[in-house]
Amino acid sequence: GIHNDITDREHRAERVIKLVHGEKMLFGKDKEYGLVQDGFLLKAVKVG
């Protein structure tokens, strides 16, 4: 269970993002969250 905090079915969609070249960096059960630039850093936001 060492990776359970990110792999369990209940939380995986919000805690894991699958990156695909050429596609938007979206995650969440309904792809409602995304990664945006925040200065020199990354930030997770809810789209809308």
All heavy atoms as atom14 arrays in JSON, in Angstrom:
{
  "sequence": "GIHNDITDREHRAERVIKLVHGEKMLFGKDKEYGLVQDGFLLKAVKVG",
  "atom14_mask": [
    [1, 1, 1, 1, 0, 0, 0, 0, 0, 0, 0, 0, 0, 0],
    [1, 1, 1, 1, 1, 1, 1, 1, 0, 0, 0, 0, 0, 0],
    [1, 1, 1, 1, 1, 1, 1, 1, 1, 1, 0, 0, 0, 0],
    [1, 1, 1, 1, 1, 1, 1, 1, 0, 0, 0, 0, 0, 0],
    [1, 1, 1, 1, 1, 1, 1, 1, 0, 0, 0, 0, 0, 0],
    [1, 1, 1, 1, 1, 1, 1, 1, 0, 0, 0, 0, 0, 0],
    [1, 1, 1, 1, 1, 1, 1, 0, 0, 0, 0, 0, 0, 0],
    [1, 1, 1, 1, 1, 1, 1, 1, 0, 0, 0, 0, 0, 0],
    [1, 1, 1, 1, 1, 1, 1, 1, 1, 1, 1, 0, 0, 0],
    [1, 1, 1, 1, 1, 1, 1, 1, 1, 0, 0, 0, 0, 0],
    [1, 1, 1, 1, 1, 1, 1, 1, 1, 1, 0, 0, 0, 0],
    [1, 1, 1, 1, 1, 1, 1, 1, 1, 1, 1, 0, 0, 0],
    [1, 1, 1, 1, 1, 0, 0, 0, 0, 0, 0, 0, 0, 0],
    [1, 1, 1, 1, 1, 1, 1, 1, 1, 0, 0, 0, 0, 0],
    [1, 1, 1, 1, 1, 1, 1, 1, 1, 1, 1, 0, 0, 0],
    [1, 1, 1, 1, 1, 1, 1, 0, 0, 0, 0, 0, 0, 0],
    [1, 1, 1, 1, 1, 1, 1, 1, 0, 0, 0, 0, 0, 0],
    [1, 1, 1, 1, 1, 1, 1, 1, 1, 0, 0, 0, 0, 0],
    [1, 1, 1, 1, 1, 1, 1, 1, 0, 0, 0, 0, 0, 0],
    [1, 1, 1, 1, 1, 1, 1, 0, 0, 0, 0, 0, 0, 0],
    [1, 1, 1, 1, 1, 1, 1, 1, 1, 1, 0, 0, 0, 0],
    [1, 1, 1, 1, 0, 0, 0, 0, 0, 0, 0, 0, 0, 0],
    [1, 1, 1, 1, 1, 1, 1, 1, 1, 0, 0, 0, 0, 0],
    [1, 1, 1, 1, 1, 1, 1, 1, 1, 0, 0, 0, 0, 0],
    [1, 1, 1, 1, 1, 1, 1, 1, 0, 0, 0, 0, 0, 0],
    [1, 1, 1, 1, 1, 1, 1, 1, 0, 0, 0, 0, 0, 0],
    [1, 1, 1, 1, 1, 1, 1, 1, 1, 1, 1, 0, 0, 0],
    [1, 1, 1, 1, 0, 0, 0, 0, 0, 0, 0, 0, 0, 0],
    [1, 1, 1, 1, 1, 1, 1, 1, 1, 0, 0, 0, 0, 0],
    [1, 1, 1, 1, 1, 1, 1, 1, 0, 0, 0, 0, 0, 0],
    [1, 1, 1, 1, 1, 1, 1, 1, 1, 0, 0, 0, 0, 0],
    [1, 1, 1, 1, 1, 1, 1, 1, 1, 0, 0, 0, 0, 0],
    [1, 1, 1, 1, 1, 1, 1, 1, 1, 1, 1, 1, 0, 0],
    [1, 1, 1, 1, 0, 0, 0, 0, 0, 0, 0, 0, 0, 0],
    [1, 1, 1, 1, 1, 1, 1, 1, 0, 0, 0, 0, 0, 0],
    [1, 1, 1, 1, 1, 1, 1, 0, 0, 0, 0, 0, 0, 0],
    [1, 1, 1, 1, 1, 1, 1, 1, 1, 0, 0, 0, 0, 0],
    [1, 1, 1, 1, 1, 1, 1, 1, 0, 0, 0, 0, 0, 0],
    [1, 1, 1, 1, 0, 0, 0, 0, 0, 0, 0, 0, 0, 0],
    [1, 1, 1, 1, 1, 1, 1, 1, 1, 1, 1, 0, 0, 0],
    [1, 1, 1, 1, 1, 1, 1, 1, 0, 0, 0, 0, 0, 0],
    [1, 1, 1, 1, 1, 1, 1, 1, 0, 0, 0, 0, 0, 0],
    [1, 1, 1, 1, 1, 1, 1, 1, 1, 0, 0, 0, 0, 0],
    [1, 1, 1, 1, 1, 0, 0, 0, 0, 0, 0, 0, 0, 0],
    [1, 1, 1, 1, 1, 1, 1, 0, 0, 0, 0, 0, 0, 0],
    [1, 1, 1, 1, 1, 1, 1, 1, 1, 0, 0, 0, 0, 0],
    [1, 1, 1, 1, 1, 1, 1, 0, 0, 0, 0, 0, 0, 0],
    [1, 1, 1, 1, 0, 0, 0, 0, 0, 0, 0, 0, 0, 0]
  ],
  "atom14_positions": [
    [[0.78, -1.23, 0.0], [0.0, 0.0, 0.0], [0.8, 1.27, 0.0], [0.25, 2.36, 0.24], [0.0, 0.0, 0.0], [0.0, 0.0, 0.0], [0.0, 0.0, 0.0], [0.0, 0.0, 0.0], [0.0, 0.0, 0.0], [0.0, 0.0, 0.0], [0.0, 0.0, 0.0], [0.0, 0.0, 0.0], [0.0, 0.0, 0.0], [0.0, 0.0, 0.0]],
    [[2.11, 1.2, -0.29], [2.96, 2.38, -0.2], [2.5, 3.51, -1.14], [2.7, 4.69, -0.86], [4.45, 2.03, -0.48], [5.36, 3.24, -0.24], [4.62, 1.48, -1.89], [5.33, 3.78, 1.15], [0.0, 0.0, 0.0], [0.0, 0.0, 0.0], [0.0, 0.0, 0.0], [0.0, 0.0, 0.0], [0.0, 0.0, 0.0], [0.0, 0.0, 0.0]],
    [[1.86, 3.15, -2.26], [1.41, 4.16, -3.22], [-0.1, 4.38, -3.16], [-0.66, 5.02, -4.07], [1.82, 3.76, -4.64], [3.29, 3.56, -4.83], [4.22, 4.57, -4.62], [4.01, 2.47, -5.18], [5.43, 4.1, -4.85], [5.34, 2.83, -5.18], [0.0, 0.0, 0.0], [0.0, 0.0, 0.0], [0.0, 0.0, 0.0], [0.0, 0.0, 0.0]],
    [[-0.75, 3.88, -2.12], [-2.21, 3.95, -2.06], [-2.77, 5.37, -2.07], [-3.88, 5.6, -2.53], [-2.74, 3.22, -0.82], [-2.87, 1.73, -1.03], [-2.57, 1.22, -2.12], [-3.3, 1.02, -0.01], [0.0, 0.0, 0.0], [0.0, 0.0, 0.0], [0.0, 0.0, 0.0], [0.0, 0.0, 0.0], [0.0, 0.0, 0.0], [0.0, 0.0, 0.0]],
    [[-2.0, 6.32, -1.56], [-2.53, 7.69, -1.5], [-2.76, 8.27, -2.89], [-3.52, 9.23, -3.04], [-1.59, 8.59, -0.7], [-0.19, 8.64, -1.26], [0.22, 7.68, -1.94], [0.52, 9.64, -1.0], [0.0, 0.0, 0.0], [0.0, 0.0, 0.0], [0.0, 0.0, 0.0], [0.0, 0.0, 0.0], [0.0, 0.0, 0.0], [0.0, 0.0, 0.0]],
    [[-2.13, 7.69, -3.9], [-2.36, 8.18, -5.27], [-3.02, 7.13, -6.16], [-3.58, 7.49, -7.2], [-1.05, 8.66, -5.93], [0.0, 7.54, -5.92], [-0.53, 9.92, -5.27], [1.24, 7.89, -6.71], [0.0, 0.0, 0.0], [0.0, 0.0, 0.0], [0.0, 0.0, 0.0], [0.0, 0.0, 0.0], [0.0, 0.0, 0.0], [0.0, 0.0, 0.0]],
    [[-2.96, 5.85, -5.77], [-3.46, 4.81, -6.67], [-4.86, 4.31, -6.36], [-5.47, 3.64, -7.19], [-2.52, 3.58, -6.66], [-2.48, 3.02, -5.33], [-1.11, 3.95, -7.1], [0.0, 0.0, 0.0], [0.0, 0.0, 0.0], [0.0, 0.0, 0.0], [0.0, 0.0, 0.0], [0.0, 0.0, 0.0], [0.0, 0.0, 0.0], [0.0, 0.0, 0.0]],
    [[-5.39, 4.63, -5.17], [-6.72, 4.1, -4.85], [-7.76, 4.74, -5.79], [-7.63, 5.88, -6.21], [-7.09, 4.36, -3.39], [-7.36, 5.83, -3.11], [-6.4, 6.6, -2.97], [-8.54, 6.2, -3.07], [0.0, 0.0, 0.0], [0.0, 0.0, 0.0], [0.0, 0.0, 0.0], [0.0, 0.0, 0.0], [0.0, 0.0, 0.0], [0.0, 0.0, 0.0]],
    [[-8.77, 3.96, -6.13], [-9.75, 4.39, -7.13], [-10.48, 5.67, -6.75], [-10.86, 6.47, -7.62], [-10.75, 3.26, -7.38], [-10.14, 2.04, -8.06], [-11.2, 1.0, -8.36], [-10.63, -0.17, -9.01], [-10.41, -0.27, -10.31], [-10.72, 0.74, -11.11], [-9.89, -1.37, -10.82], [0.0, 0.0, 0.0], [0.0, 0.0, 0.0], [0.0, 0.0, 0.0]],
    [[-10.68, 5.89, -5.47], [-11.45, 7.05, -5.03], [-10.74, 8.36, -5.34], [-11.36, 9.37, -5.69], [-11.73, 6.95, -3.53], [-12.57, 8.1, -2.99], [-12.83, 7.99, -1.5], [-12.45, 6.96, -0.89], [-13.42, 8.93, -0.94], [0.0, 0.0, 0.0], [0.0, 0.0, 0.0], [0.0, 0.0, 0.0], [0.0, 0.0, 0.0], [0.0, 0.0, 0.0]],
    [[-9.4, 8.36, -5.21], [-8.66, 9.62, -5.35], [-7.78, 9.7, -6.59], [-7.22, 10.76, -6.87], [-7.78, 9.84, -4.11], [-8.56, 9.93, -2.83], [-8.56, 8.93, -1.89], [-9.36, 10.91, -2.34], [-9.32, 9.29, -0.87], [-9.82, 10.48, -1.12], [0.0, 0.0, 0.0], [0.0, 0.0, 0.0], [0.0, 0.0, 0.0], [0.0, 0.0, 0.0]],
    [[-7.63, 8.6, -7.32], [-6.64, 8.58, -8.41], [-6.89, 9.66, -9.45], [-5.95, 10.3, -9.94], [-6.63, 7.2, -9.08], [-5.41, 6.98, -9.96], [-5.5, 5.69, -10.75], [-5.83, 4.54, -9.92], [-6.09, 3.33, -10.4], [-6.07, 3.12, -11.71], [-6.39, 2.34, -9.59], [0.0, 0.0, 0.0], [0.0, 0.0, 0.0], [0.0, 0.0, 0.0]],
    [[-8.13, 9.89, -9.81], [-8.43, 10.86, -10.87], [-8.0, 12.27, -10.5], [-7.61, 13.07, -11.36], [-9.92, 10.84, -11.19], [0.0, 0.0, 0.0], [0.0, 0.0, 0.0], [0.0, 0.0, 0.0], [0.0, 0.0, 0.0], [0.0, 0.0, 0.0], [0.0, 0.0, 0.0], [0.0, 0.0, 0.0], [0.0, 0.0, 0.0], [0.0, 0.0, 0.0]],
    [[-8.06, 12.61, -9.19], [-7.68, 13.96, -8.74], [-6.2, 14.06, -8.4], [-5.66, 15.17, -8.34], [-8.5, 14.36, -7.51], [-9.94, 14.75, -7.81], [-10.83, 13.55, -8.09], [-10.56, 12.49, -7.49], [-11.75, 13.65, -8.92], [0.0, 0.0, 0.0], [0.0, 0.0, 0.0], [0.0, 0.0, 0.0], [0.0, 0.0, 0.0], [0.0, 0.0, 0.0]],
    [[-5.56, 12.94, -8.16], [-4.16, 12.97, -7.71], [-3.15, 12.52, -8.77], [-1.95, 12.54, -8.53], [-4.02, 12.12, -6.45], [-4.81, 12.69, -5.28], [-4.72, 11.85, -4.04], [-5.51, 12.43, -2.95], [-5.71, 11.86, -1.77], [-5.15, 10.67, -1.52], [-6.44, 12.45, -0.86], [0.0, 0.0, 0.0], [0.0, 0.0, 0.0], [0.0, 0.0, 0.0]],
    [[-3.65, 12.1, -9.92], [-2.78, 11.64, -11.0], [-3.2, 12.34, -12.29], [-4.39, 12.45, -12.59], [-2.87, 10.11, -11.19], [-2.07, 9.67, -12.41], [-2.37, 9.39, -9.94], [0.0, 0.0, 0.0], [0.0, 0.0, 0.0], [0.0, 0.0, 0.0], [0.0, 0.0, 0.0], [0.0, 0.0, 0.0], [0.0, 0.0, 0.0], [0.0, 0.0, 0.0]],
    [[-2.22, 12.81, -13.05], [-2.5, 13.4, -14.36], [-1.71, 12.64, -15.42], [-0.51, 12.41, -15.25], [-2.15, 14.9, -14.4], [-2.47, 15.5, -15.77], [-0.7, 15.16, -14.02], [-2.37, 17.02, -15.82], [0.0, 0.0, 0.0], [0.0, 0.0, 0.0], [0.0, 0.0, 0.0], [0.0, 0.0, 0.0], [0.0, 0.0, 0.0], [0.0, 0.0, 0.0]],
    [[-2.39, 12.22, -16.45], [-1.71, 11.53, -17.55], [-1.36, 12.56, -18.61], [-2.24, 13.21, -19.17], [-2.59, 10.44, -18.14], [-1.91, 9.69, -19.28], [-2.77, 8.56, -19.83], [-2.07, 7.87, -20.98], [-2.89, 6.76, -21.53], [0.0, 0.0, 0.0], [0.0, 0.0, 0.0], [0.0, 0.0, 0.0], [0.0, 0.0, 0.0], [0.0, 0.0, 0.0]],
    [[-0.07, 12.68, -18.89], [0.4, 13.64, -19.88], [0.49, 12.98, -21.25], [1.03, 11.88, -21.38], [1.76, 14.19, -19.48], [1.83, 14.93, -18.14], [3.26, 15.38, -17.86], [0.88, 16.11, -18.12], [0.0, 0.0, 0.0], [0.0, 0.0, 0.0], [0.0, 0.0, 0.0], [0.0, 0.0, 0.0], [0.0, 0.0, 0.0], [0.0, 0.0, 0.0]],
    [[-0.04, 13.67, -22.24], [0.02, 13.2, -23.63], [0.53, 14.35, -24.48], [-0.03, 15.46, -24.43], [-1.36, 12.74, -24.14], [-1.26, 12.27, -25.59], [-1.91, 11.61, -23.26], [0.0, 0.0, 0.0], [0.0, 0.0, 0.0], [0.0, 0.0, 0.0], [0.0, 0.0, 0.0], [0.0, 0.0, 0.0], [0.0, 0.0, 0.0], [0.0, 0.0, 0.0]],
    [[1.57, 14.1, -25.25], [2.15, 15.15, -26.08], [1.09, 15.76, -26.99], [0.34, 15.06, -27.65], [3.29, 14.57, -26.92], [3.86, 15.56, -27.9], [4.66, 16.62, -27.52], [3.72, 15.66, -29.26], [5.0, 17.31, -28.58], [4.45, 16.77, -29.63], [0.0, 0.0, 0.0], [0.0, 0.0, 0.0], [0.0, 0.0, 0.0], [0.0, 0.0, 0.0]],
    [[1.04, 17.1, -26.98], [0.12, 17.81, -27.84], [-1.28, 17.99, -27.28], [-2.13, 18.6, -27.94], [0.0, 0.0, 0.0], [0.0, 0.0, 0.0], [0.0, 0.0, 0.0], [0.0, 0.0, 0.0], [0.0, 0.0, 0.0], [0.0, 0.0, 0.0], [0.0, 0.0, 0.0], [0.0, 0.0, 0.0], [0.0, 0.0, 0.0], [0.0, 0.0, 0.0]],
    [[-1.53, 17.48, -26.07], [-2.85, 17.59, -25.48], [-2.82, 18.46, -24.22], [-1.78, 18.61, -23.57], [-3.41, 16.21, -25.13], [-3.67, 15.33, -26.35], [-4.37, 14.04, -26.0], [-4.79, 13.87, -24.83], [-4.49, 13.17, -26.89], [0.0, 0.0, 0.0], [0.0, 0.0, 0.0], [0.0, 0.0, 0.0], [0.0, 0.0, 0.0], [0.0, 0.0, 0.0]],
    [[-3.97, 19.04, -23.88], [-4.1, 19.86, -22.69], [-3.81, 19.04, -21.44], [-4.13, 17.85, -21.37], [-5.52, 20.43, -22.59], [-5.87, 21.46, -23.66], [-5.35, 22.85, -23.29], [-5.85, 23.9, -24.26], [-5.39, 25.26, -23.9], [0.0, 0.0, 0.0], [0.0, 0.0, 0.0], [0.0, 0.0, 0.0], [0.0, 0.0, 0.0], [0.0, 0.0, 0.0]],
    [[-3.21, 19.67, -20.44], [-2.88, 19.0, -19.19], [-4.09, 19.06, -18.26], [-4.22, 19.95, -17.41], [-1.66, 19.64, -18.53], [-0.41, 19.61, -19.39], [1.02, 20.24, -18.49], [2.16, 20.59, -19.83], [0.0, 0.0, 0.0], [0.0, 0.0, 0.0], [0.0, 0.0, 0.0], [0.0, 0.0, 0.0], [0.0, 0.0, 0.0], [0.0, 0.0, 0.0]],
    [[-5.01, 18.11, -18.43], [-6.24, 18.06, -17.68], [-6.3, 16.81, -16.82], [-5.74, 15.77, -17.18], [-7.44, 18.06, -18.64], [-7.62, 19.32, -19.51], [-8.67, 19.07, -20.58], [-8.02, 20.52, -18.64], [0.0, 0.0, 0.0], [0.0, 0.0, 0.0], [0.0, 0.0, 0.0], [0.0, 0.0, 0.0], [0.0, 0.0, 0.0], [0.0, 0.0, 0.0]],
    [[-6.99, 16.91, -15.7], [-7.16, 15.74, -14.83], [-8.46, 15.9, -14.05], [-9.16, 16.92, -14.16], [-5.96, 15.56, -13.9], [-5.74, 16.68, -12.92], [-6.1, 16.54, -11.58], [-5.17, 17.88, -13.31], [-5.89, 17.56, -10.67], [-4.96, 18.92, -12.41], [-5.31, 18.76, -11.08], [0.0, 0.0, 0.0], [0.0, 0.0, 0.0], [0.0, 0.0, 0.0]],
    [[-8.79, 14.88, -13.27], [-10.07, 14.85, -12.56], [-11.01, 13.87, -13.22], [-10.81, 13.48, -14.39], [0.0, 0.0, 0.0], [0.0, 0.0, 0.0], [0.0, 0.0, 0.0], [0.0, 0.0, 0.0], [0.0, 0.0, 0.0], [0.0, 0.0, 0.0], [0.0, 0.0, 0.0], [0.0, 0.0, 0.0], [0.0, 0.0, 0.0], [0.0, 0.0, 0.0]],
    [[-12.03, 13.46, -12.53], [-12.97, 12.46, -13.06], [-13.62, 12.92, -14.35], [-13.88, 12.13, -15.25], [-14.04, 12.15, -12.0], [-13.49, 11.4, -10.8], [-14.58, 11.09, -9.78], [-13.99, 10.33, -8.58], [-15.02, 10.05, -7.55], [0.0, 0.0, 0.0], [0.0, 0.0, 0.0], [0.0, 0.0, 0.0], [0.0, 0.0, 0.0], [0.0, 0.0, 0.0]],
    [[-13.89, 14.22, -14.43], [-14.51, 14.78, -15.63], [-13.58, 15.75, -16.35], [-14.04, 16.62, -17.09], [-15.82, 15.49, -15.25], [-16.82, 14.55, -14.61], [-17.05, 13.47, -15.18], [-17.36, 14.89, -13.53], [0.0, 0.0, 0.0], [0.0, 0.0, 0.0], [0.0, 0.0, 0.0], [0.0, 0.0, 0.0], [0.0, 0.0, 0.0], [0.0, 0.0, 0.0]],
    [[-12.28, 15.61, -16.09], [-11.27, 16.5, -16.67], [-11.6, 17.96, -16.35], [-11.43, 18.86, -17.18], [-11.17, 16.29, -18.19], [-10.84, 14.87, -18.6], [-9.49, 14.43, -18.07], [-9.14, 13.01, -18.52], [-7.9, 12.52, -17.89], [0.0, 0.0, 0.0], [0.0, 0.0, 0.0], [0.0, 0.0, 0.0], [0.0, 0.0, 0.0], [0.0, 0.0, 0.0]],
    [[-12.05, 18.2, -15.14], [-12.46, 19.54, -14.74], [-11.32, 20.38, -14.21], [-11.47, 21.59, -14.03], [-13.58, 19.46, -13.69], [-13.17, 18.89, -12.34], [-13.3, 17.38, -12.24], [-13.11, 16.69, -13.27], [-13.58, 16.89, -11.12], [0.0, 0.0, 0.0], [0.0, 0.0, 0.0], [0.0, 0.0, 0.0], [0.0, 0.0, 0.0], [0.0, 0.0, 0.0]],
    [[-10.17, 19.76, -13.95], [-9.01, 20.48, -13.45], [-7.92, 20.55, -14.53], [-7.83, 19.69, -15.41], [-8.44, 19.79, -12.21], [-9.4, 19.71, -11.05], [-10.07, 18.53, -10.76], [-9.64, 20.82, -10.25], [-10.96, 18.45, -9.7], [-10.53, 20.76, -9.18], [-11.18, 19.57, -8.91], [-12.07, 19.51, -7.87], [0.0, 0.0, 0.0], [0.0, 0.0, 0.0]],
    [[-7.1, 21.58, -14.43], [-6.01, 21.72, -15.38], [-4.79, 22.36, -14.75], [-4.87, 22.96, -13.67], [0.0, 0.0, 0.0], [0.0, 0.0, 0.0], [0.0, 0.0, 0.0], [0.0, 0.0, 0.0], [0.0, 0.0, 0.0], [0.0, 0.0, 0.0], [0.0, 0.0, 0.0], [0.0, 0.0, 0.0], [0.0, 0.0, 0.0], [0.0, 0.0, 0.0]],
    [[-3.65, 22.23, -15.43], [-2.42, 22.87, -14.98], [-2.21, 24.15, -15.76], [-2.31, 24.17, -17.0], [-1.23, 21.93, -15.19], [-1.2, 20.64, -14.37], [0.04, 19.84, -14.71], [-1.26, 20.93, -12.87], [0.0, 0.0, 0.0], [0.0, 0.0, 0.0], [0.0, 0.0, 0.0], [0.0, 0.0, 0.0], [0.0, 0.0, 0.0], [0.0, 0.0, 0.0]],
    [[-1.91, 25.22, -15.03], [-1.65, 26.52, -15.66], [-0.32, 27.06, -15.15], [0.22, 26.59, -14.15], [-2.78, 27.54, -15.34], [-4.12, 27.03, -15.84], [-2.84, 27.85, -13.84], [0.0, 0.0, 0.0], [0.0, 0.0, 0.0], [0.0, 0.0, 0.0], [0.0, 0.0, 0.0], [0.0, 0.0, 0.0], [0.0, 0.0, 0.0], [0.0, 0.0, 0.0]],
    [[0.2, 28.03, -15.88], [1.44, 28.68, -15.46], [1.12, 29.74, -14.42], [0.2, 30.55, -14.59], [2.12, 29.33, -16.66], [3.6, 29.64, -16.44], [4.48, 28.41, -16.6], [4.34, 27.66, -17.55], [5.39, 28.21, -15.66], [0.0, 0.0, 0.0], [0.0, 0.0, 0.0], [0.0, 0.0, 0.0], [0.0, 0.0, 0.0], [0.0, 0.0, 0.0]],
    [[1.86, 29.74, -13.32], [1.69, 30.72, -12.26], [3.06, 31.32, -11.98], [3.81, 30.84, -11.13], [1.12, 30.05, -11.01], [0.83, 31.04, -9.9], [0.6, 32.22, -10.2], [0.84, 30.62, -8.71], [0.0, 0.0, 0.0], [0.0, 0.0, 0.0], [0.0, 0.0, 0.0], [0.0, 0.0, 0.0], [0.0, 0.0, 0.0], [0.0, 0.0, 0.0]],
    [[3.4, 32.36, -12.73], [4.76, 32.89, -12.67], [5.71, 31.88, -13.28], [5.54, 31.47, -14.43], [0.0, 0.0, 0.0], [0.0, 0.0, 0.0], [0.0, 0.0, 0.0], [0.0, 0.0, 0.0], [0.0, 0.0, 0.0], [0.0, 0.0, 0.0], [0.0, 0.0, 0.0], [0.0, 0.0, 0.0], [0.0, 0.0, 0.0], [0.0, 0.0, 0.0]],
    [[6.72, 31.46, -12.51], [7.64, 30.43, -12.99], [7.21, 29.03, -12.56], [7.89, 28.05, -12.86], [9.05, 30.71, -12.47], [9.7, 31.9, -13.1], [9.89, 33.07, -12.38], [10.1, 31.87, -14.43], [10.49, 34.18, -12.96], [10.69, 32.97, -15.02], [10.9, 34.14, -14.28], [0.0, 0.0, 0.0], [0.0, 0.0, 0.0], [0.0, 0.0, 0.0]],
    [[6.09, 28.93, -11.84], [5.65, 27.66, -11.28], [4.38, 27.17, -11.95], [3.78, 27.87, -12.77], [5.44, 27.81, -9.77], [6.65, 28.31, -8.96], [6.25, 28.49, -7.5], [7.82, 27.34, -9.09], [0.0, 0.0, 0.0], [0.0, 0.0, 0.0], [0.0, 0.0, 0.0], [0.0, 0.0, 0.0], [0.0, 0.0, 0.0], [0.0, 0.0, 0.0]],
    [[3.98, 25.95, -11.58], [2.74, 25.38, -12.06], [1.67, 25.49, -10.98], [1.97, 25.48, -9.79], [2.93, 23.91, -12.43], [3.84, 23.62, -13.62], [4.06, 22.11, -13.77], [3.27, 24.21, -14.9], [0.0, 0.0, 0.0], [0.0, 0.0, 0.0], [0.0, 0.0, 0.0], [0.0, 0.0, 0.0], [0.0, 0.0, 0.0], [0.0, 0.0, 0.0]],
    [[0.44, 25.57, -11.41], [-0.68, 25.66, -10.49], [-1.83, 24.82, -11.01], [-2.11, 24.82, -12.22], [-1.11, 27.13, -10.35], [-2.28, 27.37, -9.4], [-2.61, 28.85, -9.35], [-3.8, 29.14, -8.43], [-4.12, 30.59, -8.38], [0.0, 0.0, 0.0], [0.0, 0.0, 0.0], [0.0, 0.0, 0.0], [0.0, 0.0, 0.0], [0.0, 0.0, 0.0]],
    [[-2.5, 24.09, -10.11], [-3.67, 23.32, -10.48], [-4.91, 24.16, -10.21], [-5.07, 24.71, -9.11], [-3.73, 22.03, -9.68], [0.0, 0.0, 0.0], [0.0, 0.0, 0.0], [0.0, 0.0, 0.0], [0.0, 0.0, 0.0], [0.0, 0.0, 0.0], [0.0, 0.0, 0.0], [0.0, 0.0, 0.0], [0.0, 0.0, 0.0], [0.0, 0.0, 0.0]],
    [[-5.79, 24.27, -11.22], [-6.99, 25.09, -11.08], [-8.2, 24.3, -11.59], [-8.06, 23.32, -12.32], [-6.87, 26.4, -11.88], [-5.68, 27.22, -11.41], [-6.78, 26.13, -13.39], [0.0, 0.0, 0.0], [0.0, 0.0, 0.0], [0.0, 0.0, 0.0], [0.0, 0.0, 0.0], [0.0, 0.0, 0.0], [0.0, 0.0, 0.0], [0.0, 0.0, 0.0]],
    [[-9.37, 24.75, -11.18], [-10.6, 24.2, -11.72], [-11.04, 25.08, -12.88], [-11.23, 26.3, -12.71], [-11.69, 24.13, -10.66], [-12.92, 23.34, -11.11], [-13.86, 23.05, -9.95], [-14.99, 22.12, -10.38], [-15.89, 21.79, -9.25], [0.0, 0.0, 0.0], [0.0, 0.0, 0.0], [0.0, 0.0, 0.0], [0.0, 0.0, 0.0], [0.0, 0.0, 0.0]],
    [[-11.15, 24.48, -14.05], [-11.48, 25.25, -15.25], [-12.86, 25.88, -15.08], [-13.83, 25.2, -14.71], [-11.44, 24.35, -16.5], [-11.8, 25.16, -17.75], [-10.07, 23.71, -16.66], [0.0, 0.0, 0.0], [0.0, 0.0, 0.0], [0.0, 0.0, 0.0], [0.0, 0.0, 0.0], [0.0, 0.0, 0.0], [0.0, 0.0, 0.0], [0.0, 0.0, 0.0]],
    [[-12.94, 27.18, -15.35], [-14.21, 27.89, -15.22], [-14.35, 28.63, -13.92], [-15.31, 29.4, -13.75], [0.0, 0.0, 0.0], [0.0, 0.0, 0.0], [0.0, 0.0, 0.0], [0.0, 0.0, 0.0], [0.0, 0.0, 0.0], [0.0, 0.0, 0.0], [0.0, 0.0, 0.0], [0.0, 0.0, 0.0], [0.0, 0.0, 0.0], [0.0, 0.0, 0.0]]
  ]
}
